N, C-alpha and C. Protein backbone atom coordinates (compact mmCIF):
# COMPACT_ATOMS: atom_id res chain seq x y z
N UNK A 1 19.09 0.43 9.69
CA UNK A 1 18.51 -0.77 10.24
C UNK A 1 18.27 -1.22 8.75
N UNK A 2 18.45 -2.95 8.91
CA UNK A 2 17.97 -3.57 7.65
C UNK A 2 16.55 -4.12 7.72
N UNK A 3 15.73 -3.58 6.40
CA UNK A 3 14.19 -4.32 6.68
C UNK A 3 14.32 -5.51 6.12
N UNK A 4 13.30 -6.25 6.40
CA UNK A 4 12.83 -7.55 6.13
C UNK A 4 11.06 -7.87 5.79
N UNK A 5 10.97 -7.89 5.08
CA UNK A 5 9.37 -8.00 4.49
C UNK A 5 8.80 -9.69 4.34
N UNK A 6 7.58 -10.13 4.54
CA UNK A 6 7.47 -11.04 4.55
C UNK A 6 5.88 -11.25 4.65
N UNK A 7 5.79 -12.59 4.36
CA UNK A 7 3.64 -12.55 4.17
C UNK A 7 3.41 -14.45 5.40
N UNK A 8 2.87 -14.08 5.64
CA UNK A 8 1.65 -15.55 6.49
C UNK A 8 0.56 -15.51 5.92
N UNK A 9 0.37 -17.05 5.80
CA UNK A 9 -1.32 -17.42 5.60
C UNK A 9 -1.95 -18.36 6.71
N UNK A 10 -3.18 -17.58 6.90
CA UNK A 10 -3.58 -18.99 8.10
C UNK A 10 -5.14 -19.13 7.33
N UNK A 11 -4.91 -20.78 7.27
CA UNK A 11 -5.90 -21.34 6.96
C UNK A 11 -6.82 -22.25 7.79
N UNK A 12 -7.91 -21.89 7.79
CA UNK A 12 -8.84 -23.01 8.93
C UNK A 12 -9.58 -23.89 8.16
N UNK A 13 -9.63 -24.75 8.88
CA UNK A 13 -10.36 -26.25 8.05
C UNK A 13 -11.76 -26.39 8.61
N UNK A 14 -12.59 -27.14 8.33
CA UNK A 14 -13.92 -27.30 8.98
C UNK A 14 -13.75 -28.36 10.15
N UNK A 15 -12.78 -28.44 10.43
CA UNK A 15 -12.59 -29.24 12.05
C UNK A 15 -12.34 -27.77 12.80
N UNK A 16 -12.02 -27.09 12.78
CA UNK A 16 -11.40 -25.98 13.56
C UNK A 16 -10.31 -25.88 13.86
N UNK A 17 -9.58 -26.38 12.51
CA UNK A 17 -7.81 -26.09 12.93
C UNK A 17 -6.94 -25.25 12.00
N UNK A 18 -5.99 -24.98 12.29
CA UNK A 18 -4.80 -24.14 11.55
C UNK A 18 -4.20 -24.67 10.92
N UNK A 19 -3.76 -24.32 9.53
CA UNK A 19 -3.00 -25.22 8.90
C UNK A 19 -1.36 -24.69 9.24
N UNK A 20 -0.55 -25.34 10.16
CA UNK A 20 0.70 -25.20 10.46
C UNK A 20 2.01 -25.87 9.84
N UNK A 21 2.90 -25.56 10.29
CA UNK A 21 4.12 -26.19 9.94
C UNK A 21 5.44 -26.18 10.76
N UNK A 22 5.94 -27.43 10.90
CA UNK A 22 7.23 -27.46 12.40
C UNK A 22 8.35 -27.39 11.39
N UNK A 23 8.76 -26.00 12.02
CA UNK A 23 10.19 -25.56 11.34
C UNK A 23 11.66 -25.24 11.85
N UNK A 24 12.70 -25.31 11.11
CA UNK A 24 13.65 -24.64 12.04
C UNK A 24 14.87 -24.55 11.10
N UNK A 25 16.04 -24.17 11.09
CA UNK A 25 17.26 -24.44 10.90
C UNK A 25 17.82 -25.98 11.29
N UNK A 26 18.58 -26.55 10.55
CA UNK A 26 19.03 -28.11 11.34
C UNK A 26 19.81 -27.91 12.88
N UNK A 27 20.11 -27.03 13.45
CA UNK A 27 20.55 -26.51 14.68
C UNK A 27 20.01 -25.86 15.19
N UNK A 28 18.76 -25.62 15.31
CA UNK A 28 17.33 -25.07 16.07
C UNK A 28 16.65 -25.74 16.44
N UNK A 29 15.96 -25.80 17.61
CA UNK A 29 14.85 -26.59 18.30
C UNK A 29 14.00 -26.27 16.73
N UNK A 30 13.04 -27.06 16.62
CA UNK A 30 11.95 -27.10 15.57
C UNK A 30 10.34 -26.69 16.55
N UNK A 31 10.14 -25.76 16.02
CA UNK A 31 9.32 -24.97 16.33
C UNK A 31 7.59 -25.12 15.49
N UNK A 32 6.61 -24.80 15.88
CA UNK A 32 5.27 -24.57 15.02
C UNK A 32 5.28 -22.94 14.64
N UNK A 33 4.79 -22.54 13.18
CA UNK A 33 4.21 -21.93 12.90
C UNK A 33 3.31 -21.69 11.54
N UNK A 34 2.32 -20.64 11.30
CA UNK A 34 1.53 -20.76 9.95
C UNK A 34 2.64 -20.87 8.96
N UNK A 35 2.28 -21.15 7.99
CA UNK A 35 3.22 -21.10 6.47
C UNK A 35 3.45 -19.65 6.40
N UNK A 36 5.22 -19.64 6.17
CA UNK A 36 5.07 -17.88 5.96
C UNK A 36 6.81 -17.94 5.25
N UNK A 37 7.09 -16.83 5.25
CA UNK A 37 8.02 -16.58 4.49
C UNK A 37 9.00 -15.07 3.91
N UNK A 38 9.71 -14.86 3.65
CA UNK A 38 10.19 -13.63 2.97
C UNK A 38 9.68 -13.36 1.47
N UNK A 39 9.64 -12.05 1.38
CA UNK A 39 8.88 -12.02 -0.02
C UNK A 39 10.30 -11.39 -0.98
N UNK A 40 10.18 -11.80 -2.09
CA UNK A 40 10.82 -11.95 -3.31
C UNK A 40 11.20 -10.50 -3.65
N UNK A 41 12.15 -9.85 -4.37
CA UNK A 41 11.91 -8.72 -4.78
C UNK A 41 11.16 -8.67 -5.75
N UNK A 42 10.04 -7.38 -5.95
CA UNK A 42 9.02 -7.57 -6.99
C UNK A 42 8.10 -8.28 -7.10
N UNK A 43 7.76 -8.91 -5.42
CA UNK A 43 6.86 -10.08 -5.89
C UNK A 43 6.19 -9.58 -4.35
N UNK A 44 4.73 -9.37 -4.77
CA UNK A 44 3.68 -8.68 -3.87
C UNK A 44 3.32 -9.34 -2.30
N UNK A 45 2.90 -8.59 -1.77
CA UNK A 45 2.73 -9.24 -0.33
C UNK A 45 1.40 -10.98 -0.66
N UNK A 46 0.71 -10.60 -1.41
CA UNK A 46 -0.10 -11.30 -1.55
C UNK A 46 0.68 -12.61 -2.32
N UNK A 47 1.08 -12.69 -3.09
CA UNK A 47 1.77 -13.33 -4.01
C UNK A 47 2.74 -14.33 -3.16
N UNK A 48 3.23 -13.62 -2.32
CA UNK A 48 4.90 -14.22 -1.29
C UNK A 48 3.76 -15.52 -0.45
N UNK A 49 2.32 -15.08 -0.21
CA UNK A 49 1.64 -15.60 1.03
C UNK A 49 1.60 -16.82 0.08
N UNK A 50 1.21 -16.75 -1.03
CA UNK A 50 0.57 -17.79 -1.96
C UNK A 50 1.60 -18.62 -2.13
N UNK A 51 2.85 -18.19 -2.71
CA UNK A 51 3.92 -19.05 -2.82
C UNK A 51 4.44 -20.50 -2.04
N UNK A 52 4.56 -19.11 -0.57
CA UNK A 52 4.98 -19.96 0.98
C UNK A 52 4.01 -21.05 1.12
N UNK A 53 2.94 -20.61 0.94
CA UNK A 53 2.14 -22.16 1.49
C UNK A 53 2.24 -23.42 0.29
N UNK A 54 2.34 -22.84 -0.96
CA UNK A 54 2.66 -24.02 -1.76
C UNK A 54 4.06 -24.57 -1.80
N UNK A 55 5.38 -24.17 -1.41
CA UNK A 55 6.42 -24.48 -0.53
C UNK A 55 6.26 -24.87 0.65
N UNK A 56 5.66 -24.94 1.44
CA UNK A 56 6.23 -25.13 2.68
C UNK A 56 4.91 -26.58 2.78
N UNK A 57 3.68 -26.31 2.00
CA UNK A 57 2.73 -27.46 2.38
C UNK A 57 2.38 -28.33 1.20
N UNK A 58 2.72 -27.75 0.32
CA UNK A 58 2.10 -28.33 -1.12
C UNK A 58 0.69 -28.05 -1.82
N UNK A 59 0.16 -27.46 -1.04
CA UNK A 59 -1.23 -26.79 -1.11
C UNK A 59 -1.41 -25.69 -1.95
N UNK A 60 -2.62 -25.17 -2.87
CA UNK A 60 -2.41 -24.07 -3.32
C UNK A 60 -3.90 -23.86 -2.99
N UNK A 61 -3.77 -22.04 -2.55
CA UNK A 61 -4.75 -21.57 -1.93
C UNK A 61 -4.87 -19.90 -2.66
N UNK A 62 -5.84 -19.69 -2.42
CA UNK A 62 -6.65 -17.99 -2.45
C UNK A 62 -6.33 -17.52 -1.12
N UNK A 63 -6.62 -16.35 -1.76
CA UNK A 63 -6.80 -14.86 -0.56
C UNK A 63 -7.98 -14.73 -0.06
N UNK A 64 -8.38 -15.05 0.96
CA UNK A 64 -9.86 -14.28 1.15
C UNK A 64 -10.16 -12.90 1.74
N UNK A 65 -8.91 -13.00 2.43
CA UNK A 65 -9.03 -11.83 3.42
C UNK A 65 -7.50 -11.14 3.65
N UNK A 66 -7.34 -9.73 4.03
CA UNK A 66 -6.13 -9.47 4.82
C UNK A 66 -6.22 -9.19 6.03
N UNK A 67 -5.63 -9.69 6.88
CA UNK A 67 -5.89 -9.75 8.22
C UNK A 67 -4.92 -8.70 9.12
N UNK A 68 -4.18 -8.38 8.99
CA UNK A 68 -3.00 -7.77 9.75
C UNK A 68 -1.49 -7.63 9.21
N UNK A 69 -0.79 -7.03 9.69
CA UNK A 69 0.30 -6.59 9.35
C UNK A 69 1.40 -6.11 10.38
N UNK A 70 2.44 -6.96 11.13
CA UNK A 70 3.04 -7.18 11.77
C UNK A 70 3.95 -6.44 11.77
N UNK A 71 4.52 -5.41 12.50
CA UNK A 71 5.64 -4.62 12.89
C UNK A 71 6.68 -5.33 13.88
N UNK A 72 7.97 -5.45 13.74
CA UNK A 72 8.58 -6.08 14.95
C UNK A 72 10.14 -5.26 14.64
N UNK A 73 10.98 -5.54 16.00
CA UNK A 73 12.51 -4.95 15.62
C UNK A 73 13.59 -6.49 16.05
N UNK A 74 13.90 -6.59 15.50
CA UNK A 74 14.79 -7.76 16.06
C UNK A 74 16.14 -7.71 16.47
N UNK A 75 16.32 -7.05 17.43
CA UNK A 75 17.74 -6.34 18.10
C UNK A 75 19.07 -7.21 17.79
N UNK A 76 18.95 -8.75 18.30
CA UNK A 76 19.32 -9.69 18.09
C UNK A 76 20.28 -9.24 16.22
N UNK A 77 19.12 -9.24 15.23
CA UNK A 77 20.35 -9.23 14.22
C UNK A 77 19.89 -7.62 13.28
N UNK A 78 19.39 -6.53 14.09
CA UNK A 78 19.36 -5.19 13.74
C UNK A 78 19.00 -5.39 12.63
N UNK A 79 17.53 -5.75 12.32
CA UNK A 79 16.21 -5.76 11.30
C UNK A 79 15.25 -5.34 12.02
N UNK A 80 14.58 -4.67 11.01
CA UNK A 80 13.22 -4.01 10.61
C UNK A 80 12.37 -5.08 10.45
N UNK A 81 11.19 -5.77 11.00
CA UNK A 81 10.24 -6.55 10.54
C UNK A 81 8.93 -6.57 10.10
N UNK A 82 8.51 -6.84 9.12
CA UNK A 82 7.03 -6.36 8.34
C UNK A 82 6.77 -7.26 7.82
N UNK A 83 5.29 -8.17 8.43
CA UNK A 83 4.97 -9.15 8.01
C UNK A 83 3.08 -8.76 7.86
N UNK A 84 2.84 -9.86 6.43
CA UNK A 84 1.45 -9.48 6.44
C UNK A 84 0.91 -10.91 6.18
N UNK A 85 -0.34 -10.64 7.42
CA UNK A 85 -1.15 -11.96 7.22
C UNK A 85 -2.08 -11.67 6.65
N UNK A 86 -2.76 -13.14 5.74
CA UNK A 86 -3.85 -13.19 5.35
C UNK A 86 -4.72 -14.33 5.72
N UNK A 87 -6.12 -14.19 5.58
CA UNK A 87 -6.79 -15.61 5.39
C UNK A 87 -6.76 -16.32 4.20
N UNK A 88 -6.26 -17.17 4.25
CA UNK A 88 -6.51 -18.19 2.85
C UNK A 88 -7.42 -19.05 2.90
N UNK A 89 -7.85 -19.90 1.80
CA UNK A 89 -8.53 -20.76 1.54
C UNK A 89 -7.94 -22.14 0.58
N UNK A 90 -7.70 -23.27 0.76
CA UNK A 90 -7.04 -24.26 0.08
C UNK A 90 -8.15 -24.15 -1.48
N UNK A 91 -7.78 -24.27 -2.57
CA UNK A 91 -8.13 -24.85 -3.41
C UNK A 91 -8.01 -25.74 -4.19
N UNK A 92 -6.44 -26.66 -3.57
CA UNK A 92 -5.79 -27.98 -4.73
C UNK A 92 -4.80 -28.20 -4.26
N UNK A 93 -4.16 -28.76 -4.40
CA UNK A 93 -2.38 -29.15 -4.01
C UNK A 93 -3.28 -30.42 -3.29
N UNK A 94 -1.86 -31.22 -2.74
CA UNK A 94 -2.19 -32.25 -1.24
C UNK A 94 -1.19 -31.91 -0.60
N UNK A 95 -1.03 -32.39 0.42
CA UNK A 95 0.21 -31.90 1.31
C UNK A 95 1.38 -32.56 1.26
N UNK A 96 2.26 -32.10 0.85
CA UNK A 96 3.67 -32.10 0.52
C UNK A 96 4.81 -31.23 0.86
N UNK A 97 5.75 -31.21 1.58
CA UNK A 97 6.90 -30.61 1.87
C UNK A 97 7.40 -30.38 0.44
N UNK A 98 7.74 -29.00 -0.15
CA UNK A 98 8.95 -29.09 -1.11
C UNK A 98 9.36 -27.56 -0.74
N UNK A 99 9.58 -27.46 0.08
CA UNK A 99 10.40 -25.96 0.78
C UNK A 99 11.52 -26.04 -0.04
N UNK A 100 12.47 -25.16 -0.55
CA UNK A 100 13.35 -25.43 -1.04
C UNK A 100 14.96 -24.72 -0.30
N UNK A 101 14.04 -24.26 0.93
CA UNK A 101 15.15 -23.95 2.00
C UNK A 101 15.41 -25.02 2.91
N UNK A 102 14.66 -26.01 3.03
CA UNK A 102 14.67 -27.15 3.51
C UNK A 102 14.79 -26.80 5.12
N UNK A 103 13.65 -26.20 5.78
CA UNK A 103 13.63 -25.50 7.27
C UNK A 103 12.28 -26.53 7.34
N UNK A 104 11.18 -26.84 6.56
CA UNK A 104 9.96 -27.48 6.83
C UNK A 104 10.34 -29.05 7.77
N UNK A 105 9.92 -29.63 8.30
CA UNK A 105 9.91 -31.13 8.78
C UNK A 105 8.31 -31.43 9.06
N UNK A 106 7.63 -30.85 9.24
CA UNK A 106 6.16 -31.74 9.67
C UNK A 106 5.32 -30.63 8.98
N UNK A 107 3.90 -31.10 8.85
CA UNK A 107 2.72 -30.02 8.40
C UNK A 107 1.76 -30.89 8.80
N UNK A 108 0.98 -29.92 9.59
CA UNK A 108 0.01 -30.45 10.20
C UNK A 108 -1.07 -29.28 10.29
N UNK A 109 -2.57 -30.05 11.03
CA UNK A 109 -3.51 -29.37 11.16
C UNK A 109 -3.54 -29.04 12.94
N UNK A 110 -3.88 -27.75 13.41
CA UNK A 110 -3.94 -28.13 14.71
C UNK A 110 -4.99 -27.15 15.30
N UNK A 111 -5.20 -28.06 16.20
CA UNK A 111 -7.17 -27.27 16.91
C UNK A 111 -6.47 -26.07 18.27
N UNK A 112 -7.53 -25.37 18.33
CA UNK A 112 -7.19 -24.27 19.29
C UNK A 112 -6.54 -24.92 20.73
N UNK A 113 -7.03 -26.40 21.17
CA UNK A 113 -6.50 -27.10 22.36
C UNK A 113 -4.66 -27.09 21.86
N UNK A 114 -4.56 -27.53 20.97
CA UNK A 114 -2.76 -27.83 20.54
C UNK A 114 -2.47 -26.52 20.80
N UNK A 115 -3.03 -25.37 19.67
CA UNK A 115 -2.06 -24.08 19.44
C UNK A 115 -1.88 -23.38 20.81
N UNK A 116 -2.65 -24.06 22.06
CA UNK A 116 -2.48 -23.28 23.38
C UNK A 116 -1.38 -23.99 23.92
N UNK A 117 -0.35 -25.10 23.26
CA UNK A 117 0.18 -25.75 24.06
C UNK A 117 1.41 -25.99 23.69
N UNK A 118 1.52 -25.79 22.32
CA UNK A 118 2.14 -25.52 21.27
C UNK A 118 3.93 -24.47 21.19
N UNK A 119 5.12 -24.89 21.14
CA UNK A 119 5.84 -24.29 21.27
C UNK A 119 6.01 -23.83 19.55
N UNK A 120 5.44 -22.28 19.81
CA UNK A 120 5.50 -21.37 18.31
C UNK A 120 7.00 -20.47 18.08
N UNK A 121 7.32 -20.71 16.72
CA UNK A 121 8.10 -19.96 16.79
C UNK A 121 7.92 -18.40 16.64
N UNK A 122 6.95 -17.78 16.46
CA UNK A 122 6.55 -16.40 16.84
C UNK A 122 5.09 -16.25 18.28
N UNK A 123 5.43 -16.67 19.13
CA UNK A 123 5.03 -16.97 20.69
C UNK A 123 3.68 -15.63 20.37
N UNK A 124 4.01 -14.87 19.84
CA UNK A 124 3.68 -13.73 19.93
C UNK A 124 2.11 -13.80 19.20
N UNK A 125 2.28 -14.56 18.06
CA UNK A 125 1.06 -15.25 17.18
C UNK A 125 -0.06 -16.02 18.06
N UNK A 126 -0.07 -16.57 19.00
CA UNK A 126 -0.65 -17.51 19.77
C UNK A 126 -2.24 -16.80 19.98
N UNK A 127 -1.91 -15.63 20.73
CA UNK A 127 -3.46 -15.31 21.08
C UNK A 127 -3.79 -14.83 19.53
N UNK A 128 -3.25 -14.67 18.59
CA UNK A 128 -4.29 -14.14 17.65
C UNK A 128 -4.60 -15.06 16.41
N UNK A 129 -3.93 -16.36 16.53
CA UNK A 129 -4.29 -17.48 15.80
C UNK A 129 -5.76 -18.21 16.82
N UNK A 130 -5.66 -17.95 18.10
CA UNK A 130 -6.78 -18.40 18.82
C UNK A 130 -7.99 -17.53 18.27
N UNK A 131 -7.75 -16.10 18.36
CA UNK A 131 -8.37 -15.42 18.31
C UNK A 131 -9.47 -15.60 16.66
N UNK A 132 -8.56 -16.21 15.99
CA UNK A 132 -8.94 -16.07 14.52
C UNK A 132 -9.95 -17.43 14.92
N UNK A 133 -9.91 -18.39 15.49
CA UNK A 133 -10.41 -19.61 15.17
C UNK A 133 -11.68 -19.13 16.28
N UNK A 134 -11.97 -18.26 17.37
CA UNK A 134 -12.84 -17.82 18.05
C UNK A 134 -13.93 -16.99 17.25
N UNK A 135 -13.17 -16.45 15.86
CA UNK A 135 -14.31 -15.41 15.53
C UNK A 135 -14.66 -16.25 14.58
N UNK A 136 -13.95 -17.08 14.14
CA UNK A 136 -14.69 -17.72 12.80
C UNK A 136 -15.46 -19.00 13.32
N UNK A 137 -16.10 -19.20 14.83
CA UNK A 137 -16.99 -19.63 15.21
C UNK A 137 -17.26 -20.89 15.50
N UNK A 138 -15.72 -21.73 15.18
CA UNK A 138 -15.44 -22.97 15.22
C UNK A 138 -15.14 -23.54 16.11
N UNK A 139 -14.90 -23.06 17.34
CA UNK A 139 -14.75 -24.14 18.67
C UNK A 139 -15.62 -23.04 19.93
C-alpha cells in the first residue's frame, strides 16, 4: 500500500476564528479545510506546514505547537495517509492565493458557528477544530 504524508496548520485569530481555505479540483464540489498539503521529499512536516500556509493563503507563519498526527486509510485509492497538525501564529504576509496547484478558490476566517455548518473536505476534523477554539477559550 502506498503511503502519503502531509501537514496542516491551524491558526486562530483574536476574533475566535480559524483560517480556512475553500478547495477542490475543478471537477469536484468545493469544500473547506485548514491550509494543508503533501510533504515534499526531504521536507520536514513543520516546513511542509509553513510552506502550505504561505502557498494557500499568502501568510507567513511560525509553528507554536505540535497538535496531533492523523492516520487514515483511503480504500478508494489504496493509500495510507499520515497528516501532522500544528498550531501556528501568523507573522507576516497578506491574504493572497498563490497555490501552484490551483486548487484554492477562497481564503476566509471561520467562526465556531460557521465551522459547525461548513461542508468540510475532512469532516472528521470538525470536532477537533471546534475543540481547538474551545481550548483557547475564545468562544
